[in-house]
Amino acid sequence: MDSLAVLWLLLLGSASTRALKVDTNEPKTFIMPQGDKVLLECKFSLDPQDTGTLDIEWSLVASDTQQTDQQIITFAGDQTYTMYAELKDRVHFVSNDPKTGDATIEIINLKQSDSGTYQCKVKKVPGVGSRRLTVSVLVKPAKTRCFVEGTQEIGRDLSLKCESKDGTPPLTYSWQRLSGQGKNTPAITPDATTGFVAIKNASQEYSGTYRCLSHNRVGSDECLLILNVAPPSNVAGKIAGAVIGTLLGLILLALIIFCCCRKQKEKKYEKEVQHEIREDVAPPKSRNSTARSYIGSNHSSLGSLSPSNMEGYSKAQYNKIPNEEFERPPSQAPNSVPSKYHGLTAV
């Protein structure tokens, strides 16, 4: 009984295999650049023996066998359902009616996270068929930069470098000379994996325009570099000129500061002198009044003297006048002596 059951199942399996068939002649591996689109073909043929309901299912096969596959998009009961949120609005069936035998899907605006193995499974009882396709999404080289390391002088060692900031490894580099002066330019041998070109004992024949090409399996990018190998410059002269210029600048700055400070001191001194004159110098009137009061106090006694003794008395009285009033500088002495006093002296 068991042998008959096994034979029956084998017959059913062979019949179903002959009935529903999925075409597997199309490529199974796709290497695509990021941002591009890909067509994953899944064409099938049915047999009149397949009388069940048609069911088409696309899924992303889990990399770990212990995890379940992620359903992406399905077609069942004449309806399409998108199951995977990461591909929402980016995946669709190419055919408006997949029942005609075309279950091909298109994924647009590819991302690196879309890389993986995709499976198409077509079921129509009792027939079942499937196929798997692998998609690798790579990033094209971008932001490629060319630069020179070392001094661009005759006889010096220098190097040309090229690198791309974006791009899925492995990246390879190549250099090409576009223009230059010498016809017999020495050949350059770049390192294809690093984009590094070493130049020993550089000469003017190396001068020119160079192009570096960075590429991987999905695209390429390039950059340009102008190399100008010149005779050695007078470094000592440049340094001396820079030092002299700096010293002259410092001297000029010091002179400006000195002049400003001196001017400020002069202004401050003038203000202090004016202030002292206003506060310390007494009015000239007070000095004259002292001398006049002294002479006036003695004038009354002169009237009682006779002409004979007037001369001796006047000399004695003159000697009694305080010396400090007459020893003062001319600028501080009284302006004049009263007219009466002059008359007495004449006698």
Protein backbone atom coordinates (compact mmCIF):
# COMPACT_ATOMS: atom_id res chain seq x y z
CA MET A 1 0.00 0.00 0.00
CA ASP A 2 2.80 2.33 0.86
CA SER A 3 4.59 1.65 -2.39
CA LEU A 4 1.47 2.50 -4.35
CA ALA A 5 1.12 5.81 -2.51
CA VAL A 6 4.69 6.74 -3.25
CA LEU A 7 4.25 5.87 -6.90
CA TRP A 8 1.12 8.01 -7.06
CA LEU A 9 2.93 10.99 -5.58
CA LEU A 10 5.77 10.65 -8.03
CA LEU A 11 3.32 10.58 -10.90
CA LEU A 12 1.62 13.67 -9.60
CA GLY A 13 4.96 15.44 -9.18
CA SER A 14 6.08 14.64 -12.71
CA ALA A 15 2.72 15.70 -14.06
CA SER A 16 2.88 19.01 -12.20
CA THR A 17 6.42 19.60 -13.41
CA ARG A 18 5.31 19.11 -16.95
CA ALA A 19 2.28 21.33 -16.44
CA LEU A 20 3.58 24.63 -14.94
CA LYS A 21 7.00 25.73 -16.08
CA VAL A 22 9.02 28.82 -15.09
CA ASP A 23 11.60 30.04 -17.61
CA THR A 24 15.11 30.08 -16.11
CA ASN A 25 17.09 31.08 -19.18
CA GLU A 26 17.41 34.73 -18.18
CA PRO A 27 20.46 35.99 -16.19
CA LYS A 28 20.40 35.08 -12.53
CA THR A 29 22.85 37.73 -11.22
CA PHE A 30 22.55 41.50 -11.56
CA ILE A 31 25.19 44.05 -10.54
CA MET A 32 23.59 47.46 -10.58
CA PRO A 33 24.63 51.00 -9.60
CA GLN A 34 22.85 52.74 -6.78
CA GLY A 35 19.98 54.91 -7.98
CA ASP A 36 19.40 52.79 -11.09
CA LYS A 37 16.58 50.28 -11.74
CA VAL A 38 16.49 46.54 -12.39
CA LEU A 39 14.11 44.11 -14.08
CA LEU A 40 13.75 40.74 -12.40
CA GLU A 41 12.21 38.46 -15.03
CA CYS A 42 9.90 35.62 -14.12
CA LYS A 43 8.00 34.21 -17.09
CA PHE A 44 5.96 31.03 -16.86
CA SER A 45 3.69 28.80 -18.89
CA LEU A 46 0.54 26.94 -17.73
CA ASP A 47 -1.15 23.72 -18.72
CA PRO A 48 -4.86 22.93 -18.93
CA GLN A 49 -4.31 20.50 -16.06
CA ASP A 50 -3.54 23.45 -13.76
CA THR A 51 -7.06 24.20 -12.65
CA GLY A 52 -6.40 25.95 -9.32
CA THR A 53 -6.21 29.65 -8.52
CA LEU A 54 -3.09 31.43 -9.80
CA ASP A 55 -0.85 32.74 -7.02
CA ILE A 56 2.38 34.70 -7.71
CA GLU A 57 4.72 35.59 -4.86
CA TRP A 58 8.02 37.52 -4.80
CA SER A 59 10.15 37.34 -1.65
CA LEU A 60 13.59 38.40 -0.39
CA VAL A 61 15.40 35.27 0.76
CA ALA A 62 16.80 35.55 4.28
CA SER A 63 20.58 35.30 4.53
CA ASP A 64 20.17 33.29 7.73
CA THR A 65 18.43 29.93 7.28
CA GLN A 66 16.88 30.26 10.73
CA GLN A 67 14.95 33.35 9.64
CA THR A 68 11.90 33.51 7.39
CA ASP A 69 11.88 35.05 3.93
CA GLN A 70 10.45 38.56 3.56
CA GLN A 71 7.49 38.77 1.19
CA ILE A 72 7.75 41.71 -1.22
CA ILE A 73 4.83 41.70 -3.63
CA THR A 74 2.10 39.18 -4.45
CA PHE A 75 -0.61 38.65 -7.03
CA ALA A 76 -3.67 36.68 -5.94
CA GLY A 77 -7.34 36.84 -6.89
CA ASP A 78 -6.61 39.38 -9.61
CA GLN A 79 -5.22 41.77 -6.94
CA THR A 80 -1.70 43.05 -6.31
CA TYR A 81 -0.37 43.50 -2.77
CA THR A 82 2.89 45.15 -1.71
CA MET A 83 4.12 43.54 1.51
CA TYR A 84 7.62 45.03 2.09
CA ALA A 85 7.72 48.59 3.45
CA GLU A 86 11.34 49.15 2.32
CA LEU A 87 10.27 48.76 -1.31
CA LYS A 88 6.95 50.53 -1.09
CA ASP A 89 6.35 52.70 -4.18
CA ARG A 90 9.57 51.32 -5.69
CA VAL A 91 8.45 47.84 -6.86
CA HIS A 92 5.69 46.82 -9.28
CA PHE A 93 4.72 44.14 -11.78
CA VAL A 94 5.72 45.02 -15.32
CA SER A 95 2.63 43.40 -16.86
CA ASN A 96 -0.79 44.82 -16.19
CA ASP A 97 -2.11 41.24 -16.13
CA PRO A 98 0.43 38.76 -14.71
CA LYS A 99 -1.99 35.88 -15.53
CA THR A 100 -0.80 36.03 -19.13
CA GLY A 101 2.46 34.39 -18.04
CA ASP A 102 4.68 37.35 -17.12
CA ALA A 103 5.41 37.80 -13.39
CA THR A 104 8.41 40.09 -14.00
CA ILE A 105 8.86 42.90 -11.49
CA GLU A 106 10.82 46.19 -11.65
CA ILE A 107 12.60 47.83 -8.72
CA ILE A 108 13.47 51.50 -9.19
CA ASN A 109 15.80 53.90 -7.34
CA LEU A 110 17.95 51.06 -6.09
CA LYS A 111 19.70 51.30 -2.72
CA GLN A 112 22.56 49.30 -1.29
CA SER A 113 20.11 47.79 1.20
CA ASP A 114 18.24 46.25 -1.77
CA SER A 115 21.12 43.84 -2.36
CA GLY A 116 20.16 40.21 -1.85
CA THR A 117 18.55 37.10 -3.38
CA TYR A 118 15.03 37.40 -4.75
CA GLN A 119 12.70 34.45 -5.39
CA CYS A 120 9.74 34.24 -7.75
CA LYS A 121 7.25 31.46 -6.99
CA VAL A 122 4.26 30.70 -9.22
CA LYS A 123 1.53 28.32 -8.00
CA LYS A 124 -1.53 27.03 -9.77
CA VAL A 125 -2.69 23.78 -8.30
CA PRO A 126 -1.42 21.25 -8.89
CA GLY A 127 1.53 23.02 -10.62
CA VAL A 128 4.31 24.89 -8.79
CA GLY A 129 7.43 26.61 -10.18
CA SER A 130 10.08 29.06 -8.92
CA ARG A 131 13.41 30.73 -9.66
CA ARG A 132 15.96 32.80 -7.78
CA LEU A 133 17.90 35.90 -8.83
CA THR A 134 20.71 37.77 -7.08
CA VAL A 135 20.99 41.54 -7.05
CA SER A 136 24.13 43.47 -5.95
CA VAL A 137 23.73 47.23 -5.66
CA LEU A 138 27.05 49.12 -5.79
CA VAL A 139 27.94 52.81 -5.42
CA LYS A 140 29.74 54.46 -8.33
CA PRO A 141 33.03 56.27 -7.63
CA ALA A 142 32.44 59.94 -6.83
CA LYS A 143 34.17 63.00 -5.37
CA THR A 144 37.48 61.96 -6.91
CA ARG A 145 40.38 64.25 -5.98
CA CYS A 146 43.84 64.66 -7.56
CA PHE A 147 46.73 66.32 -5.71
CA VAL A 148 50.52 66.57 -5.55
CA GLU A 149 52.66 65.75 -2.54
CA GLY A 150 56.11 67.34 -2.46
CA THR A 151 57.74 70.47 -3.89
CA GLN A 152 57.32 70.94 -7.64
CA GLU A 153 60.97 71.80 -8.31
CA ILE A 154 63.60 70.31 -10.57
CA GLY A 155 65.56 67.57 -8.85
CA ARG A 156 63.00 67.00 -6.09
CA ASP A 157 61.01 63.83 -5.38
CA LEU A 158 57.25 64.18 -5.56
CA SER A 159 54.17 62.04 -5.97
CA LEU A 160 50.78 62.25 -7.67
CA LYS A 161 47.81 60.96 -5.72
CA CYS A 162 44.23 60.19 -6.64
CA GLU A 163 41.40 59.08 -4.39
CA SER A 164 37.60 58.79 -4.46
CA LYS A 165 35.65 59.52 -1.31
CA ASP A 166 32.59 57.58 -2.51
CA GLY A 167 32.45 54.25 -4.27
CA THR A 168 31.98 50.58 -3.44
CA PRO A 169 35.32 48.72 -3.28
CA PRO A 170 37.28 47.48 -4.99
CA LEU A 171 38.29 50.67 -6.75
CA THR A 172 41.03 50.83 -9.37
CA TYR A 173 42.91 53.91 -10.59
CA SER A 174 44.66 54.81 -13.82
CA TRP A 175 46.58 57.94 -14.92
CA GLN A 176 46.79 59.53 -18.34
CA ARG A 177 48.82 62.51 -19.54
CA LEU A 178 46.71 64.92 -21.61
CA SER A 179 49.26 67.63 -22.46
CA GLY A 180 52.85 68.59 -21.75
CA GLN A 181 56.04 70.22 -23.03
CA GLY A 182 58.40 67.34 -23.70
CA LYS A 183 57.81 64.78 -26.41
CA ASN A 184 59.90 62.12 -24.68
CA THR A 185 58.19 62.31 -21.32
CA PRO A 186 59.30 59.59 -18.92
CA ALA A 187 56.67 56.93 -18.38
CA ILE A 188 54.75 56.94 -15.11
CA THR A 189 53.71 53.72 -13.43
CA PRO A 190 50.77 54.18 -11.07
CA ASP A 191 49.63 51.82 -8.37
CA ALA A 192 46.22 50.70 -9.61
CA THR A 193 44.87 49.98 -6.13
CA THR A 194 45.93 53.23 -4.45
CA GLY A 195 46.24 55.72 -7.34
CA PHE A 196 49.76 56.62 -6.18
CA VAL A 197 52.45 57.71 -8.69
CA ALA A 198 56.02 58.26 -7.44
CA ILE A 199 58.32 60.61 -9.40
CA LYS A 200 62.02 60.61 -8.54
CA ASN A 201 64.35 63.48 -9.46
CA ALA A 202 61.62 65.45 -11.22
CA SER A 203 62.42 67.41 -14.37
CA GLN A 204 60.52 69.94 -16.45
CA GLU A 205 59.56 67.17 -18.89
CA TYR A 206 57.06 65.95 -16.30
CA SER A 207 55.14 69.24 -16.43
CA GLY A 208 51.69 69.03 -18.00
CA THR A 209 48.04 68.16 -17.44
CA TYR A 210 47.17 64.74 -16.08
CA ARG A 211 43.89 62.87 -15.65
CA CYS A 212 43.14 60.22 -13.06
CA LEU A 213 40.33 57.74 -13.67
CA SER A 214 38.72 55.92 -10.75
CA HIS A 215 36.38 53.05 -11.56
CA ASN A 216 34.64 49.98 -10.17
CA ARG A 217 32.16 47.44 -11.59
CA VAL A 218 29.30 49.91 -12.03
CA GLY A 219 30.87 53.24 -13.01
CA SER A 220 33.80 55.63 -13.01
CA ASP A 221 34.82 59.14 -12.05
CA GLU A 222 37.79 61.34 -12.92
CA CYS A 223 39.79 64.39 -11.87
CA LEU A 224 42.43 66.63 -13.51
CA LEU A 225 45.81 67.77 -12.20
CA ILE A 226 48.25 70.38 -13.55
CA LEU A 227 51.89 69.65 -12.73
CA ASN A 228 54.43 72.47 -13.10
CA VAL A 229 58.01 71.46 -12.34
CA ALA A 230 60.07 74.69 -12.11
CA PRO A 231 63.68 75.59 -11.25
CA PRO A 232 64.48 75.87 -7.54
CA SER A 233 63.47 79.19 -6.06
CA ASN A 234 65.71 81.46 -3.95
CA VAL A 235 64.38 80.37 -0.60
CA ALA A 236 67.05 82.23 1.40
CA GLY A 237 66.27 85.49 -0.37
CA LYS A 238 62.57 85.09 0.28
CA ILE A 239 63.18 84.43 3.95
CA ALA A 240 65.51 87.44 4.27
CA GLY A 241 63.00 89.67 2.52
CA ALA A 242 60.24 88.49 4.80
CA VAL A 243 62.36 89.13 7.90
CA ILE A 244 63.38 92.62 6.75
CA GLY A 245 59.83 93.50 5.88
CA THR A 246 58.66 92.35 9.30
CA LEU A 247 61.33 94.39 11.09
CA LEU A 248 60.49 97.53 9.11
CA GLY A 249 56.87 97.07 9.96
CA LEU A 250 57.66 96.72 13.67
CA ILE A 251 59.87 99.83 13.61
CA LEU A 252 57.16 101.86 11.91
CA LEU A 253 54.63 100.66 14.43
CA ALA A 254 56.94 101.59 17.31
CA LEU A 255 57.41 105.10 15.90
CA ILE A 256 53.68 105.60 15.59
CA ILE A 257 53.14 104.45 19.18
CA PHE A 258 55.98 106.72 20.43
CA CYS A 259 54.57 109.79 18.66
CA CYS A 260 51.10 109.14 20.01
CA CYS A 261 52.37 108.73 23.58
CA ARG A 262 54.47 111.90 23.35
CA LYS A 263 51.53 113.91 22.07
CA GLN A 264 49.36 112.64 24.90
CA LYS A 265 51.98 113.64 27.46
CA GLU A 266 52.24 117.18 26.01
CA LYS A 267 48.50 117.64 26.17
CA LYS A 268 48.46 116.40 29.76
CA TYR A 269 51.33 118.76 30.77
CA GLU A 270 49.58 121.83 29.28
CA LYS A 271 46.41 121.04 31.20
CA GLU A 272 48.33 120.66 34.50
CA VAL A 273 50.22 123.98 34.02
CA GLN A 274 47.05 125.92 33.31
CA HIS A 275 45.41 124.39 36.37
CA GLU A 276 48.33 125.35 38.67
CA ILE A 277 48.34 128.98 37.42
CA ARG A 278 44.64 129.37 38.15
CA GLU A 279 44.92 127.97 41.69
CA ASP A 280 48.36 129.09 43.01
CA VAL A 281 49.02 132.67 41.70
CA ALA A 282 47.48 135.39 43.91
CA PRO A 283 46.00 138.50 42.32
CA PRO A 284 48.56 141.34 41.79
CA LYS A 285 46.27 143.74 43.65
CA SER A 286 46.95 142.27 47.08
CA ARG A 287 50.72 142.86 46.82
CA ASN A 288 50.37 146.54 45.82
CA SER A 289 47.91 147.21 48.60
CA THR A 290 50.40 145.90 51.18
CA ALA A 291 53.13 148.28 50.03
CA ARG A 292 50.77 151.22 49.82
CA SER A 293 49.35 150.66 53.28
CA TYR A 294 52.85 150.58 54.71
CA ILE A 295 53.89 153.81 52.97
CA GLY A 296 50.61 155.51 53.86
CA SER A 297 51.09 154.74 57.56
CA ASN A 298 54.40 156.52 57.59
CA HIS A 299 53.39 159.46 55.43
CA SER A 300 51.70 161.23 58.32
CA SER A 301 54.91 161.44 60.23
CA LEU A 302 56.79 163.07 57.37
CA GLY A 303 54.77 166.21 57.56
CA SER A 304 56.22 167.17 60.97
CA LEU A 305 59.80 166.88 59.84
CA SER A 306 61.84 169.83 58.67
CA PRO A 307 63.63 169.93 55.37
CA SER A 308 66.97 169.55 57.06
CA ASN A 309 66.36 166.25 58.60
CA MET A 310 64.05 164.99 55.83
CA GLU A 311 66.82 163.27 53.91
CA GLY A 312 68.08 161.22 56.86
CA TYR A 313 64.63 160.26 57.92
CA SER A 314 63.56 159.23 54.50
CA LYS A 315 66.62 156.99 54.16
CA ALA A 316 65.89 155.42 57.49
CA GLN A 317 62.29 154.85 56.58
CA TYR A 318 63.26 153.30 53.28
CA ASN A 319 65.47 150.85 55.07
CA LYS A 320 62.54 149.77 57.23
CA ILE A 321 60.46 148.66 54.25
CA PRO A 322 60.38 144.81 54.18
CA ASN A 323 63.07 143.46 51.93
CA GLU A 324 60.85 140.68 50.61
CA GLU A 325 58.72 143.24 48.82
CA PHE A 326 61.68 144.74 46.92
CA GLU A 327 63.69 141.59 46.35
CA ARG A 328 60.97 139.91 44.38
CA PRO A 329 61.48 139.41 40.68
CA PRO A 330 60.52 142.26 38.40
CA SER A 331 57.42 140.37 37.33
CA GLN A 332 56.06 140.40 40.91
CA ALA A 333 57.27 143.92 42.07
CA PRO A 334 54.68 146.72 42.43
CA ASN A 335 54.06 148.57 39.28
CA SER A 336 54.77 152.07 40.68
CA VAL A 337 55.35 154.09 43.81
CA PRO A 338 52.84 156.79 44.73
CA SER A 339 53.57 160.27 43.40
CA LYS A 340 53.86 161.76 46.85
CA TYR A 341 56.63 159.43 47.75
CA HIS A 342 58.63 160.52 44.70
CA GLY A 343 58.27 164.12 45.73
CA LEU A 344 59.72 163.54 49.12
CA THR A 345 62.71 161.71 47.70
CA ALA A 346 63.54 164.60 45.42
CA VAL A 347 63.83 166.94 48.41
